[in-house]
Amino acid sequence: MLNRVLVLLSAILLFSNLASAVIIAPVNNPDVGFTLAEAIEAQGIRVGDKLFDKFVVSTSKSADAAAPDASAITIHGVLINGEYGLRFNGGWTASGGQVADTTLLFRVSAAKPWLIHDNSLWMDAYGAVNGGMVAITENVYASNPLMGFTPSLADKYVYYINRNNKQIYDHQEFTDAEGNPQALAHIWVVKDIVVSGGRAGVASLSQFYQTFSQIPEPATMSLLVLGGLGLIRRRRSRS
């Protein structure tokens, strides 16, 4: 009963606050994707109850390496294990002595009455041989890190060098500097995507995923619990 009320309340608030310019992305539809440039122009992309906006992307690369710009990075909406997020597709490649490096910043906002309290990151299409490496470093912040120093809420790292030296999935719950759990309506995510060929190897990355999970606001949860108790009492009094 409480879950149904939460979903209904979230949907009402979600669609009443939508900006007409924002892209509405379907989930788990591989045939419908949008470029990062389109999301920037549209002032964001909404997937379920999450809004992704304020995208900033910058890339540096060696002469013979390949790294996509905003017009060549495609994003799809996903729903995985009940969590909304994005799938990123691009083409990062580097051979021996070459490096491709992309930094990606964006904000994630949850529709009321939800608060985001953890997220996951994993690579899905990648490769490296002969000393090549693929790596994504991620930091999550409560405010825009470009506006000044702010401590991170979570730090993640996924990488692949070979079958015996890899970590392709990372998940972290948000905490403050003292280790106390945090849940926020808005968070900022910064990724550093590095593909290196090493001295004489080859490496590539074409797809990775990002999802975010949530909890209801404490005040909303208290009201729902009280409402649920009231319904139970009324039913008992009628029986």
Foldseek 3Di string as FASTA:
>chain_A
DLVVVQLVVLVVQQVVPDDPLEAEAEAPDPVDKDFQVSQAVSQFYDARQKTKGPKDKDKDKDPPWDDDDRRFWIWHWHQDPNWIWIKIFHKTKEFAPIKIKMKIKIKMFGGPQKWWWKKKKFADDKDKPDQKKKKKKKFKFPDDCVVDDGDTQDIDMWMDHDPVDTRGMDMDTGAHPVRHGDTHRMMMMMMMIMTYNYRGMMIIGTMMIMTIDIDGDPVVVVVSVVVVVVVVVVVVVVD
